C-alpha atoms as a PDB file:
ATOM      1  CA  UNK A   1      43.152  59.670  13.879  1.00  0.00           C
ATOM      2  CA  UNK A   2      39.733  60.426  15.239  1.00  0.00           C
ATOM      3  CA  UNK A   3      37.622  57.858  17.087  1.00  0.00           C
ATOM      4  CA  UNK A   4      35.243  57.222  14.188  1.00  0.00           C
ATOM      5  CA  UNK A   5      38.063  56.345  11.812  1.00  0.00           C
ATOM      6  CA  UNK A   6      39.728  54.133  14.398  1.00  0.00           C
ATOM      7  CA  UNK A   7      36.481  52.243  14.969  1.00  0.00           C
ATOM      8  CA  UNK A   8      35.825  51.931  11.232  1.00  0.00           C
ATOM      9  CA  UNK A   9      39.336  50.621  10.654  1.00  0.00           C
ATOM     10  CA  UNK A  10      38.922  48.055  13.422  1.00  0.00           C
ATOM     11  CA  UNK A  11      35.465  47.024  12.228  1.00  0.00           C
ATOM     12  CA  UNK A  12      36.282  46.834   8.507  1.00  0.00           C
ATOM     13  CA  UNK A  13      39.769  45.347   8.531  1.00  0.00           C
ATOM     14  CA  UNK A  14      38.764  41.698   8.926  1.00  0.00           C
ATOM     15  CA  UNK A  15      35.854  41.710   6.419  1.00  0.00           C
ATOM     16  CA  UNK A  16      38.048  43.395   3.806  1.00  0.00           C
ATOM     17  CA  UNK A  17      40.870  40.905   4.381  1.00  0.00           C
ATOM     18  CA  UNK A  18      38.412  37.984   4.011  1.00  0.00           C
ATOM     19  CA  UNK A  19      37.010  39.514   0.828  1.00  0.00           C
ATOM     20  CA  UNK A  20      40.471  40.012  -0.694  1.00  0.00           C
ATOM     21  CA  UNK A  21      41.474  36.441   0.198  1.00  0.00           C
ATOM     22  CA  UNK A  22      38.347  35.137  -1.553  1.00  0.00           C
ATOM     23  CA  UNK A  23      39.008  37.262  -4.644  1.00  0.00           C
ATOM     24  CA  UNK A  24      42.642  36.158  -4.744  1.00  0.00           C
ATOM     25  CA  UNK A  25      41.513  32.513  -4.708  1.00  0.00           C
ATOM     26  CA  UNK A  26      39.174  33.277  -7.611  1.00  0.00           C
ATOM     27  CA  UNK A  27      42.077  34.900  -9.440  1.00  0.00           C
ATOM     28  CA  UNK A  28      44.220  31.781  -8.945  1.00  0.00           C
ATOM     29  CA  UNK A  29      41.376  29.643 -10.285  1.00  0.00           C
ATOM     30  CA  UNK A  30      41.016  31.964 -13.282  1.00  0.00           C
ATOM     31  CA  UNK A  31      44.730  31.641 -14.018  1.00  0.00           C
ATOM     32  CA  UNK A  32      44.440  27.836 -14.019  1.00  0.00           C
ATOM     33  CA  UNK A  33      41.656  28.188 -16.585  1.00  0.00           C
ATOM     34  CA  UNK A  34      43.752  30.572 -18.764  1.00  0.00           C
ATOM     35  CA  UNK A  35      41.908  33.704 -17.630  1.00  0.00           C
ATOM     36  CA  UNK A  36      42.847  36.286 -14.987  1.00  0.00           C
ATOM     37  CA  UNK A  37      44.976  38.585 -17.114  1.00  0.00           C
ATOM     38  CA  UNK A  38      44.817  42.333 -17.578  1.00  0.00           C
ATOM     39  CA  UNK A  39      45.909  44.593 -20.416  1.00  0.00           C
ATOM     40  CA  UNK A  40      49.165  46.451 -19.868  1.00  0.00           C
ATOM     41  CA  UNK A  41      50.677  49.013 -22.223  1.00  0.00           C
ATOM     42  CA  UNK A  42      53.300  47.367 -24.421  1.00  0.00           C
ATOM     43  CA  UNK A  43      56.262  49.055 -22.686  1.00  0.00           C
ATOM     44  CA  UNK A  44      55.195  47.674 -19.306  1.00  0.00           C
ATOM     45  CA  UNK A  45      54.442  44.295 -20.845  1.00  0.00           C
ATOM     46  CA  UNK A  46      57.977  44.103 -22.242  1.00  0.00           C
ATOM     47  CA  UNK A  47      59.644  45.409 -19.090  1.00  0.00           C
ATOM     48  CA  UNK A  48      57.707  43.264 -16.615  1.00  0.00           C
ATOM     49  CA  UNK A  49      57.010  39.875 -18.171  1.00  0.00           C
ATOM     50  CA  UNK A  50      53.976  38.021 -16.766  1.00  0.00           C
ATOM     51  CA  UNK A  51      52.967  41.049 -14.695  1.00  0.00           C
ATOM     52  CA  UNK A  52      49.574  41.024 -16.383  1.00  0.00           C
ATOM     53  CA  UNK A  53      48.799  37.824 -14.441  1.00  0.00           C
ATOM     54  CA  UNK A  54      49.995  38.994 -11.023  1.00  0.00           C
ATOM     55  CA  UNK A  55      47.488  39.491  -8.227  1.00  0.00           C
ATOM     56  CA  UNK A  56      48.616  43.064  -7.538  1.00  0.00           C
ATOM     57  CA  UNK A  57      47.626  44.213 -11.029  1.00  0.00           C
ATOM     58  CA  UNK A  58      44.134  42.745 -10.960  1.00  0.00           C
END
C-alpha cells in the first residue's frame, strides 16, 4: 500500500468507527420505536427471519 493510502487509513479509521457507532445507536433507537427495517425480497425474508432489522442490512 502506498504512503498516501496508509496515512488516509490511519487518519480516517477512528472517525469512521465513531460515525458507525453513532448510526448503530440510532438504529437501535429506531427499532425500539418500531422503525429501522429494510425491504428484503420475499425469498430472503422467508429464509432469514428478522434479517430486515439487523444492523448489517441497514
